[in-house]
């Protein structure tokens, strides 16, 4: 489902203003989620609706983007896992920029394999979105704001988690800005990040 949403959005060029920021219509979002995640159907059947003519009314870019965000937000275990939440926040709070990158890099490579692979797909996509920011107005900062609380969240909502949301966002920014380094290389010493 995640890959199909991303593939569909990327085929359209990622230039729609406010992509991921402007929400789709709730009923359409629910229909995309219902059709795309119907457990009574095979994966091929579930994803076929993206190409079916009768569903073009619900397949607007903002609807697909909103459905993807909602799907990721509702996962029992976030992509970046509850286990490493505090570690990612501590990394984002490092005073030295290179140390932040190094710490985030190390934590990403500790994620379970399926989480690492899904995060890589999502961050590569967000990088592509950010490269079209002159059209879609979704800078790396804006994408961090949108995806920080979705990909990285505490196991329980608390006032502290809300007050520190800027650090969630910063982690996503670091991932987007350093996609190649973080996902295509093993973690190293902080001196490797100069």
N, C-alpha and C. Protein backbone atom coordinates (compact mmCIF):
# COMPACT_ATOMS: atom_id res chain seq x y z
N UNK A 1 0.84 -1.20 0.00
CA UNK A 1 0.00 0.00 0.00
C UNK A 1 0.88 1.26 0.00
N UNK A 2 1.85 1.29 0.88
CA UNK A 2 2.75 2.46 0.97
C UNK A 2 3.47 2.67 -0.36
N UNK A 3 4.04 1.59 -0.89
CA UNK A 3 4.77 1.70 -2.16
C UNK A 3 3.86 2.17 -3.29
N UNK A 4 2.63 1.67 -3.33
CA UNK A 4 1.69 2.03 -4.40
C UNK A 4 1.29 3.50 -4.29
N UNK A 5 1.06 3.97 -3.08
CA UNK A 5 0.74 5.39 -2.89
C UNK A 5 1.88 6.27 -3.39
N UNK A 6 3.09 5.92 -2.97
CA UNK A 6 4.28 6.69 -3.37
C UNK A 6 4.47 6.65 -4.88
N UNK A 7 4.35 5.46 -5.45
CA UNK A 7 4.51 5.30 -6.90
C UNK A 7 3.50 6.16 -7.65
N UNK A 8 2.25 6.16 -7.22
CA UNK A 8 1.21 6.94 -7.87
C UNK A 8 1.51 8.44 -7.77
N UNK A 9 1.90 8.89 -6.60
CA UNK A 9 2.22 10.31 -6.42
C UNK A 9 3.42 10.71 -7.27
N UNK A 10 4.44 9.86 -7.31
CA UNK A 10 5.64 10.21 -8.08
C UNK A 10 5.39 10.22 -9.58
N UNK A 11 4.49 9.37 -10.05
CA UNK A 11 4.14 9.39 -11.48
C UNK A 11 3.50 10.72 -11.87
N UNK A 12 2.84 11.35 -10.92
CA UNK A 12 2.15 12.62 -11.19
C UNK A 12 3.09 13.81 -11.12
N UNK A 13 4.31 13.61 -10.66
CA UNK A 13 5.31 14.66 -10.71
C UNK A 13 5.60 15.40 -9.41
N UNK A 14 4.83 15.19 -8.36
CA UNK A 14 5.09 15.76 -7.03
C UNK A 14 5.07 17.28 -7.01
N UNK A 15 4.43 17.91 -7.98
CA UNK A 15 4.48 19.37 -8.06
C UNK A 15 3.24 20.06 -7.51
N UNK A 16 2.25 19.29 -7.07
CA UNK A 16 1.02 19.89 -6.55
C UNK A 16 1.32 20.67 -5.28
N UNK A 17 0.91 21.93 -5.26
CA UNK A 17 1.20 22.77 -4.10
C UNK A 17 0.54 22.21 -2.84
N UNK A 18 1.32 22.15 -1.77
CA UNK A 18 0.79 21.69 -0.49
C UNK A 18 0.69 20.18 -0.36
N UNK A 19 1.35 19.45 -1.24
CA UNK A 19 1.34 17.99 -1.17
C UNK A 19 1.76 17.58 0.25
N UNK A 20 0.95 16.78 0.89
CA UNK A 20 1.10 16.31 2.28
C UNK A 20 0.67 17.35 3.31
N UNK A 21 0.56 18.59 2.93
CA UNK A 21 0.11 19.60 3.89
C UNK A 21 -1.39 19.85 3.75
N UNK A 22 -1.89 19.91 2.51
CA UNK A 22 -3.31 20.11 2.26
C UNK A 22 -3.99 18.75 2.32
N UNK A 23 -4.97 18.63 3.19
CA UNK A 23 -5.61 17.33 3.40
C UNK A 23 -6.67 17.06 2.33
N UNK A 24 -6.87 15.78 2.07
CA UNK A 24 -7.94 15.36 1.18
C UNK A 24 -9.25 15.32 1.95
N UNK A 25 -10.33 15.01 1.25
CA UNK A 25 -11.66 14.90 1.86
C UNK A 25 -11.72 13.59 2.66
N UNK A 26 -12.22 13.67 3.88
CA UNK A 26 -12.25 12.53 4.79
C UNK A 26 -12.88 11.28 4.23
N UNK A 27 -14.01 11.42 3.55
CA UNK A 27 -14.69 10.23 3.00
C UNK A 27 -13.86 9.58 1.90
N UNK A 28 -13.18 10.40 1.11
CA UNK A 28 -12.33 9.85 0.04
C UNK A 28 -11.10 9.16 0.63
N UNK A 29 -10.52 9.77 1.66
CA UNK A 29 -9.36 9.17 2.33
C UNK A 29 -9.75 7.80 2.88
N UNK A 30 -10.90 7.74 3.54
CA UNK A 30 -11.37 6.46 4.10
C UNK A 30 -11.60 5.43 3.02
N UNK A 31 -12.10 5.86 1.87
CA UNK A 31 -12.33 4.92 0.76
C UNK A 31 -11.00 4.36 0.24
N UNK A 32 -10.01 5.22 0.10
CA UNK A 32 -8.69 4.75 -0.35
C UNK A 32 -8.13 3.74 0.65
N UNK A 33 -8.23 4.05 1.93
CA UNK A 33 -7.74 3.13 2.97
C UNK A 33 -8.53 1.82 2.95
N UNK A 34 -9.83 1.92 2.82
CA UNK A 34 -10.68 0.72 2.79
C UNK A 34 -10.34 -0.17 1.59
N UNK A 35 -10.25 0.43 0.42
CA UNK A 35 -9.96 -0.34 -0.79
C UNK A 35 -8.52 -0.86 -0.80
N UNK A 36 -7.60 -0.04 -0.34
CA UNK A 36 -6.18 -0.40 -0.39
C UNK A 36 -5.74 -1.37 0.69
N UNK A 37 -6.54 -1.51 1.74
CA UNK A 37 -6.15 -2.36 2.87
C UNK A 37 -7.15 -3.47 3.17
N UNK A 38 -8.06 -3.74 2.24
CA UNK A 38 -9.09 -4.75 2.44
C UNK A 38 -8.46 -6.14 2.62
N UNK A 39 -8.52 -6.65 3.84
CA UNK A 39 -7.85 -7.93 4.15
C UNK A 39 -8.53 -9.13 3.51
N UNK A 40 -9.72 -8.96 2.94
CA UNK A 40 -10.42 -10.06 2.27
C UNK A 40 -9.91 -10.28 0.85
N UNK A 41 -9.11 -9.35 0.38
CA UNK A 41 -8.59 -9.42 -0.99
C UNK A 41 -7.09 -9.69 -0.98
N UNK A 42 -6.60 -10.19 -2.11
CA UNK A 42 -5.15 -10.39 -2.25
C UNK A 42 -4.50 -9.01 -2.42
N UNK A 43 -3.20 -8.96 -2.25
CA UNK A 43 -2.50 -7.69 -2.42
C UNK A 43 -2.71 -7.13 -3.83
N UNK A 44 -2.66 -7.99 -4.82
CA UNK A 44 -2.87 -7.56 -6.21
C UNK A 44 -4.25 -6.96 -6.38
N UNK A 45 -5.27 -7.62 -5.82
CA UNK A 45 -6.64 -7.10 -5.91
C UNK A 45 -6.77 -5.78 -5.16
N UNK A 46 -6.15 -5.69 -3.98
CA UNK A 46 -6.24 -4.46 -3.18
C UNK A 46 -5.64 -3.27 -3.92
N UNK A 47 -4.51 -3.49 -4.56
CA UNK A 47 -3.81 -2.38 -5.19
C UNK A 47 -4.29 -2.07 -6.60
N UNK A 48 -5.10 -2.96 -7.17
CA UNK A 48 -5.62 -2.76 -8.53
C UNK A 48 -6.51 -1.53 -8.61
N UNK A 49 -7.14 -1.14 -7.50
CA UNK A 49 -8.04 0.00 -7.55
C UNK A 49 -7.33 1.29 -7.95
N UNK A 50 -6.02 1.37 -7.75
CA UNK A 50 -5.28 2.55 -8.15
C UNK A 50 -5.36 2.78 -9.66
N UNK A 51 -5.58 1.70 -10.42
CA UNK A 51 -5.63 1.80 -11.88
C UNK A 51 -7.05 1.74 -12.44
N UNK A 52 -8.03 1.46 -11.59
CA UNK A 52 -9.40 1.29 -12.07
C UNK A 52 -10.07 2.63 -12.32
N UNK A 53 -10.71 2.74 -13.48
CA UNK A 53 -11.37 3.98 -13.89
C UNK A 53 -12.45 4.44 -12.91
N UNK A 54 -13.20 3.49 -12.34
CA UNK A 54 -14.32 3.90 -11.47
C UNK A 54 -13.86 4.55 -10.16
N UNK A 55 -12.58 4.51 -9.87
CA UNK A 55 -12.09 5.09 -8.62
C UNK A 55 -11.31 6.39 -8.83
N UNK A 56 -11.32 6.92 -10.03
CA UNK A 56 -10.54 8.15 -10.28
C UNK A 56 -11.04 9.32 -9.43
N UNK A 57 -12.30 9.30 -9.03
CA UNK A 57 -12.83 10.40 -8.21
C UNK A 57 -12.17 10.47 -6.83
N UNK A 58 -11.70 9.34 -6.32
CA UNK A 58 -11.06 9.34 -4.99
C UNK A 58 -9.54 9.36 -5.07
N UNK A 59 -8.99 9.29 -6.26
CA UNK A 59 -7.54 9.16 -6.40
C UNK A 59 -6.83 10.48 -6.70
N UNK A 60 -7.29 11.55 -6.08
CA UNK A 60 -6.59 12.82 -6.19
C UNK A 60 -5.28 12.71 -5.40
N UNK A 61 -4.30 13.47 -5.80
CA UNK A 61 -3.00 13.41 -5.11
C UNK A 61 -3.13 13.71 -3.62
N UNK A 62 -3.90 14.75 -3.26
CA UNK A 62 -4.02 15.10 -1.85
C UNK A 62 -4.73 14.00 -1.06
N UNK A 63 -5.62 13.27 -1.71
CA UNK A 63 -6.31 12.16 -1.03
C UNK A 63 -5.35 11.00 -0.79
N UNK A 64 -4.56 10.66 -1.79
CA UNK A 64 -3.58 9.57 -1.66
C UNK A 64 -2.55 9.94 -0.60
N UNK A 65 -2.05 11.18 -0.64
CA UNK A 65 -1.06 11.63 0.34
C UNK A 65 -1.64 11.58 1.75
N UNK A 66 -2.88 12.01 1.90
CA UNK A 66 -3.53 11.99 3.22
C UNK A 66 -3.75 10.57 3.70
N UNK A 67 -4.14 9.67 2.80
CA UNK A 67 -4.34 8.26 3.17
C UNK A 67 -3.02 7.63 3.61
N UNK A 68 -1.95 7.94 2.91
CA UNK A 68 -0.63 7.42 3.28
C UNK A 68 -0.23 7.92 4.67
N UNK A 69 -0.40 9.22 4.92
CA UNK A 69 -0.07 9.77 6.24
C UNK A 69 -0.91 9.11 7.33
N UNK A 70 -2.20 8.96 7.08
CA UNK A 70 -3.08 8.37 8.08
C UNK A 70 -2.71 6.92 8.36
N UNK A 71 -2.40 6.18 7.30
CA UNK A 71 -1.98 4.78 7.46
C UNK A 71 -0.73 4.71 8.36
N UNK A 72 0.26 5.53 8.05
CA UNK A 72 1.51 5.52 8.82
C UNK A 72 1.27 5.97 10.27
N UNK A 73 0.38 6.94 10.44
CA UNK A 73 0.10 7.46 11.78
C UNK A 73 -0.59 6.42 12.66
N UNK A 74 -1.38 5.55 12.04
CA UNK A 74 -2.18 4.59 12.82
C UNK A 74 -1.49 3.24 13.04
N UNK A 75 -0.28 3.09 12.54
CA UNK A 75 0.45 1.85 12.80
C UNK A 75 0.62 1.66 14.30
N UNK A 76 0.46 0.43 14.78
CA UNK A 76 0.64 0.17 16.21
C UNK A 76 2.05 0.53 16.65
N UNK A 77 3.01 0.15 15.84
CA UNK A 77 4.41 0.48 16.09
C UNK A 77 4.86 1.43 14.99
N UNK A 78 5.26 2.67 15.34
CA UNK A 78 5.68 3.60 14.29
C UNK A 78 6.90 3.06 13.54
N UNK A 79 7.11 3.56 12.35
CA UNK A 79 8.22 3.10 11.51
C UNK A 79 9.55 3.20 12.26
N UNK A 80 9.73 4.24 13.04
CA UNK A 80 11.01 4.42 13.74
C UNK A 80 10.98 3.82 15.15
N UNK A 81 9.97 3.09 15.48
CA UNK A 81 9.76 2.30 16.69
C UNK A 81 9.75 3.11 17.99
N UNK A 82 8.92 2.64 18.92
CA UNK A 82 8.87 3.25 20.25
C UNK A 82 10.21 3.06 20.97
N UNK A 83 10.83 1.92 20.73
CA UNK A 83 12.07 1.57 21.43
C UNK A 83 13.16 2.63 21.26
N UNK A 84 13.27 3.20 20.06
CA UNK A 84 14.35 4.15 19.79
C UNK A 84 13.91 5.61 19.85
N UNK A 85 12.67 5.85 20.26
CA UNK A 85 12.15 7.21 20.31
C UNK A 85 13.06 8.14 21.11
N UNK A 86 13.37 7.76 22.35
CA UNK A 86 14.21 8.62 23.21
C UNK A 86 15.61 8.81 22.62
N UNK A 87 16.14 7.77 22.00
CA UNK A 87 17.45 7.86 21.38
C UNK A 87 17.47 8.85 20.23
N UNK A 88 16.42 8.82 19.40
CA UNK A 88 16.35 9.76 18.28
C UNK A 88 16.22 11.19 18.79
N UNK A 89 15.41 11.39 19.84
CA UNK A 89 15.28 12.73 20.40
C UNK A 89 16.60 13.21 21.00
N UNK A 90 17.29 12.33 21.71
CA UNK A 90 18.60 12.69 22.28
C UNK A 90 19.58 13.06 21.16
N UNK A 91 19.53 12.32 20.05
CA UNK A 91 20.40 12.63 18.91
C UNK A 91 20.11 14.02 18.36
N UNK A 92 18.82 14.33 18.23
CA UNK A 92 18.43 15.64 17.68
C UNK A 92 18.83 16.79 18.60
N UNK A 93 18.98 16.51 19.88
CA UNK A 93 19.33 17.54 20.86
C UNK A 93 20.84 17.77 20.98
N UNK A 94 21.64 16.98 20.30
CA UNK A 94 23.10 17.17 20.35
C UNK A 94 23.44 18.58 19.87
N UNK A 95 24.41 19.20 20.50
CA UNK A 95 24.81 20.56 20.12
C UNK A 95 25.51 20.59 18.77
N UNK A 96 26.36 19.62 18.52
CA UNK A 96 27.13 19.58 17.28
C UNK A 96 26.31 18.93 16.16
N UNK A 97 26.20 19.64 15.06
CA UNK A 97 25.41 19.15 13.91
C UNK A 97 25.91 17.79 13.43
N UNK A 98 27.21 17.62 13.31
CA UNK A 98 27.77 16.36 12.81
C UNK A 98 27.50 15.21 13.77
N UNK A 99 27.47 15.51 15.06
CA UNK A 99 27.15 14.47 16.05
C UNK A 99 25.69 14.06 15.93
N UNK A 100 24.81 15.02 15.65
CA UNK A 100 23.38 14.70 15.43
C UNK A 100 23.24 13.71 14.28
N UNK A 101 23.91 14.02 13.18
CA UNK A 101 23.83 13.14 12.00
C UNK A 101 24.37 11.76 12.34
N UNK A 102 25.50 11.72 13.01
CA UNK A 102 26.13 10.45 13.38
C UNK A 102 25.21 9.62 14.28
N UNK A 103 24.63 10.24 15.29
CA UNK A 103 23.76 9.52 16.21
C UNK A 103 22.49 9.01 15.52
N UNK A 104 21.88 9.85 14.69
CA UNK A 104 20.68 9.44 13.94
C UNK A 104 21.04 8.28 13.02
N UNK A 105 22.17 8.39 12.35
CA UNK A 105 22.65 7.36 11.43
C UNK A 105 22.75 6.01 12.16
N UNK A 106 23.39 6.02 13.32
CA UNK A 106 23.55 4.79 14.09
C UNK A 106 22.23 4.19 14.51
N UNK A 107 21.30 5.02 14.94
CA UNK A 107 19.98 4.53 15.37
C UNK A 107 19.18 3.95 14.22
N UNK A 108 19.23 4.60 13.07
CA UNK A 108 18.49 4.10 11.90
C UNK A 108 18.93 2.68 11.57
N UNK A 109 20.23 2.43 11.69
CA UNK A 109 20.75 1.10 11.36
C UNK A 109 20.47 0.07 12.44
N UNK A 110 19.92 0.48 13.57
CA UNK A 110 19.50 -0.47 14.60
C UNK A 110 18.04 -0.89 14.43
N UNK A 111 17.31 -0.16 13.60
CA UNK A 111 15.89 -0.48 13.39
C UNK A 111 15.74 -1.90 12.85
N UNK A 112 14.61 -2.56 13.17
CA UNK A 112 14.34 -3.86 12.54
C UNK A 112 14.39 -3.71 11.02
N UNK A 113 14.82 -4.76 10.34
CA UNK A 113 15.04 -4.73 8.88
C UNK A 113 13.83 -4.17 8.12
N UNK A 114 12.63 -4.65 8.44
CA UNK A 114 11.44 -4.19 7.71
C UNK A 114 11.18 -2.70 7.96
N UNK A 115 11.45 -2.24 9.16
CA UNK A 115 11.26 -0.82 9.48
C UNK A 115 12.31 0.02 8.74
N UNK A 116 13.55 -0.45 8.74
CA UNK A 116 14.62 0.25 8.02
C UNK A 116 14.26 0.38 6.53
N UNK A 117 13.83 -0.72 5.93
CA UNK A 117 13.51 -0.71 4.50
C UNK A 117 12.35 0.22 4.19
N UNK A 118 11.31 0.20 5.03
CA UNK A 118 10.16 1.08 4.80
C UNK A 118 10.56 2.54 5.01
N UNK A 119 11.36 2.80 6.04
CA UNK A 119 11.81 4.17 6.29
C UNK A 119 12.63 4.68 5.11
N UNK A 120 13.47 3.83 4.56
CA UNK A 120 14.29 4.23 3.41
C UNK A 120 13.40 4.61 2.22
N UNK A 121 12.37 3.82 1.96
CA UNK A 121 11.44 4.11 0.86
C UNK A 121 10.76 5.46 1.09
N UNK A 122 10.30 5.67 2.30
CA UNK A 122 9.57 6.91 2.62
C UNK A 122 10.50 8.12 2.55
N UNK A 123 11.69 8.01 3.11
CA UNK A 123 12.61 9.16 3.12
C UNK A 123 13.10 9.48 1.71
N UNK A 124 13.36 8.47 0.91
CA UNK A 124 13.72 8.74 -0.49
C UNK A 124 12.60 9.50 -1.19
N UNK A 125 11.37 9.08 -0.95
CA UNK A 125 10.22 9.77 -1.53
C UNK A 125 10.16 11.22 -1.04
N UNK A 126 10.32 11.43 0.25
CA UNK A 126 10.27 12.79 0.80
C UNK A 126 11.41 13.64 0.24
N UNK A 127 12.54 13.03 0.00
CA UNK A 127 13.65 13.75 -0.64
C UNK A 127 13.23 14.23 -2.03
N UNK A 128 12.58 13.34 -2.78
CA UNK A 128 12.10 13.72 -4.12
C UNK A 128 11.06 14.84 -4.03
N UNK A 129 10.18 14.77 -3.03
CA UNK A 129 9.19 15.83 -2.82
C UNK A 129 9.91 17.15 -2.54
N UNK A 130 10.92 17.11 -1.67
CA UNK A 130 11.64 18.33 -1.30
C UNK A 130 12.38 18.95 -2.49
N UNK A 131 12.81 18.13 -3.43
CA UNK A 131 13.51 18.65 -4.60
C UNK A 131 12.57 19.43 -5.53
N UNK A 132 11.27 19.29 -5.33
CA UNK A 132 10.27 20.03 -6.11
C UNK A 132 9.63 21.13 -5.27
N UNK A 133 10.29 21.53 -4.18
CA UNK A 133 9.70 22.50 -3.24
C UNK A 133 9.42 23.86 -3.88
N UNK A 134 10.13 24.19 -4.94
CA UNK A 134 9.86 25.44 -5.63
C UNK A 134 8.46 25.44 -6.25
N UNK A 135 7.90 24.26 -6.49
CA UNK A 135 6.54 24.13 -7.04
C UNK A 135 5.53 23.75 -5.94
N UNK A 136 5.87 22.74 -5.14
CA UNK A 136 4.90 22.20 -4.19
C UNK A 136 4.95 22.89 -2.82
N UNK A 137 5.92 23.76 -2.59
CA UNK A 137 6.09 24.49 -1.33
C UNK A 137 6.33 23.57 -0.13
N UNK A 138 6.84 22.36 -0.39
CA UNK A 138 7.12 21.42 0.70
C UNK A 138 8.63 21.29 0.86
N UNK A 139 9.17 22.23 1.61
CA UNK A 139 10.60 22.23 1.91
C UNK A 139 10.92 21.07 2.86
N UNK A 140 12.19 20.83 3.08
CA UNK A 140 12.60 19.80 4.03
C UNK A 140 12.04 20.12 5.41
N UNK A 141 12.05 21.39 5.78
CA UNK A 141 11.48 21.80 7.07
C UNK A 141 10.00 21.43 7.14
N UNK A 142 9.24 21.79 6.10
CA UNK A 142 7.80 21.50 6.08
C UNK A 142 7.53 19.99 6.14
N UNK A 143 8.32 19.21 5.42
CA UNK A 143 8.15 17.76 5.45
C UNK A 143 8.47 17.21 6.84
N UNK A 144 9.46 17.80 7.51
CA UNK A 144 9.76 17.41 8.89
C UNK A 144 8.58 17.66 9.81
N UNK A 145 7.94 18.81 9.64
CA UNK A 145 6.76 19.15 10.45
C UNK A 145 5.63 18.15 10.21
N UNK A 146 5.42 17.78 8.97
CA UNK A 146 4.32 16.87 8.62
C UNK A 146 4.63 15.44 9.06
N UNK A 147 5.85 14.98 8.84
CA UNK A 147 6.17 13.57 9.08
C UNK A 147 6.85 13.28 10.41
N UNK A 148 7.35 14.29 11.11
CA UNK A 148 7.98 14.06 12.40
C UNK A 148 7.08 13.30 13.37
N UNK A 149 5.85 13.79 13.59
CA UNK A 149 4.97 13.10 14.53
C UNK A 149 4.37 11.80 13.98
N UNK A 150 4.52 11.56 12.69
CA UNK A 150 3.96 10.36 12.06
C UNK A 150 4.93 9.19 12.11
N UNK A 151 6.19 9.45 11.79
CA UNK A 151 7.18 8.38 11.71
C UNK A 151 7.88 8.12 13.05
N UNK A 152 7.89 9.11 13.91
CA UNK A 152 8.61 9.03 15.17
C UNK A 152 7.70 9.54 16.28
N UNK A 153 7.23 8.62 17.12
CA UNK A 153 6.36 9.07 18.22
C UNK A 153 6.57 8.22 19.46
N UNK A 154 6.27 8.85 20.59
CA UNK A 154 6.40 8.17 21.87
C UNK A 154 5.31 7.11 22.00
N UNK A 155 5.53 6.16 22.89
CA UNK A 155 4.53 5.10 23.08
C UNK A 155 3.27 5.64 23.73
N UNK A 156 3.37 6.73 24.45
CA UNK A 156 2.21 7.36 25.07
C UNK A 156 2.28 8.86 24.82
N UNK A 157 1.11 9.44 24.56
CA UNK A 157 1.06 10.89 24.40
C UNK A 157 1.28 11.54 25.76
N UNK A 158 2.12 12.55 25.78
CA UNK A 158 2.37 13.28 27.02
C UNK A 158 2.66 14.73 26.67
N UNK A 159 2.59 15.57 27.67
CA UNK A 159 2.90 16.98 27.47
C UNK A 159 4.35 17.15 27.02
N UNK A 160 5.24 16.35 27.58
CA UNK A 160 6.66 16.41 27.19
C UNK A 160 6.82 16.09 25.71
N UNK A 161 6.13 15.04 25.26
CA UNK A 161 6.23 14.65 23.84
C UNK A 161 5.74 15.77 22.94
N UNK A 162 4.66 16.44 23.35
CA UNK A 162 4.12 17.55 22.56
C UNK A 162 5.11 18.72 22.54
N UNK A 163 5.68 19.02 23.69
CA UNK A 163 6.61 20.15 23.79
C UNK A 163 7.91 19.90 23.03
N UNK A 164 8.25 18.64 22.83
CA UNK A 164 9.51 18.31 22.15
C UNK A 164 9.32 17.89 20.69
N UNK A 165 8.15 18.17 20.14
CA UNK A 165 7.82 17.74 18.78
C UNK A 165 8.83 18.30 17.76
N UNK A 166 9.42 19.46 18.06
CA UNK A 166 10.39 20.04 17.12
C UNK A 166 11.58 19.12 16.90
N UNK A 167 11.89 18.29 17.90
CA UNK A 167 13.02 17.37 17.75
C UNK A 167 12.64 16.18 16.86
N UNK A 168 11.37 15.75 16.92
CA UNK A 168 10.89 14.73 15.98
C UNK A 168 11.10 15.25 14.56
N UNK A 169 10.66 16.48 14.35
CA UNK A 169 10.74 17.10 13.03
C UNK A 169 12.20 17.20 12.57
N UNK A 170 13.07 17.57 13.49
CA UNK A 170 14.50 17.72 13.16
C UNK A 170 15.10 16.38 12.72
N UNK A 171 14.69 15.30 13.35
CA UNK A 171 15.20 13.97 12.96
C UNK A 171 14.82 13.68 11.51
N UNK A 172 13.58 13.98 11.14
CA UNK A 172 13.13 13.74 9.76
C UNK A 172 13.91 14.63 8.80
N UNK A 173 14.15 15.86 9.18
CA UNK A 173 14.95 16.76 8.34
C UNK A 173 16.35 16.18 8.12
N UNK A 174 16.97 15.69 9.19
CA UNK A 174 18.31 15.09 9.09
C UNK A 174 18.28 13.91 8.12
N UNK A 175 17.25 13.07 8.21
CA UNK A 175 17.15 11.91 7.32
C UNK A 175 17.02 12.33 5.86
N UNK A 176 16.19 13.34 5.60
CA UNK A 176 15.99 13.79 4.22
C UNK A 176 17.27 14.42 3.67
N UNK A 177 17.87 15.31 4.46
CA UNK A 177 19.08 16.01 4.01
C UNK A 177 20.26 15.07 3.80
N UNK A 178 20.30 13.98 4.55
CA UNK A 178 21.45 13.07 4.53
C UNK A 178 21.06 11.67 4.07
N UNK A 179 20.08 11.60 3.18
CA UNK A 179 19.55 10.31 2.74
C UNK A 179 20.65 9.35 2.28
N UNK A 180 21.48 9.79 1.35
CA UNK A 180 22.54 8.91 0.80
C UNK A 180 23.48 8.42 1.89
N UNK A 181 23.96 9.33 2.70
CA UNK A 181 24.91 8.98 3.76
C UNK A 181 24.29 7.97 4.73
N UNK A 182 23.08 8.25 5.18
CA UNK A 182 22.47 7.43 6.23
C UNK A 182 22.00 6.07 5.73
N UNK A 183 21.39 6.03 4.57
CA UNK A 183 20.80 4.77 4.11
C UNK A 183 21.72 3.94 3.22
N UNK A 184 22.74 4.53 2.66
CA UNK A 184 23.61 3.80 1.74
C UNK A 184 24.98 3.48 2.34
N UNK A 185 25.19 3.86 3.59
CA UNK A 185 26.47 3.63 4.26
C UNK A 185 26.24 3.13 5.68
N UNK A 186 27.14 2.30 6.15
CA UNK A 186 27.09 1.86 7.54
C UNK A 186 27.49 3.03 8.43
N UNK A 187 26.98 3.06 9.66
CA UNK A 187 27.36 4.15 10.57
C UNK A 187 28.85 4.12 10.87
N UNK A 188 29.40 5.31 11.08
CA UNK A 188 30.83 5.42 11.40
C UNK A 188 31.05 6.34 12.56
N UNK A 189 32.28 6.79 12.72
CA UNK A 189 32.61 7.75 13.77
C UNK A 189 32.15 9.14 13.35
N UNK A 190 31.93 10.02 14.29
CA UNK A 190 31.45 11.37 13.95
C UNK A 190 32.44 12.09 13.04
N UNK A 191 33.72 11.72 13.10
CA UNK A 191 34.71 12.36 12.22
C UNK A 191 34.47 11.98 10.75
N UNK A 192 33.72 10.88 10.51
CA UNK A 192 33.39 10.48 9.13
C UNK A 192 32.37 11.42 8.49
N UNK A 193 31.76 12.31 9.28
CA UNK A 193 30.66 13.13 8.77
C UNK A 193 31.12 14.53 8.40
N UNK A 194 32.41 14.73 8.26
CA UNK A 194 32.91 16.07 7.90
C UNK A 194 33.03 16.23 6.43
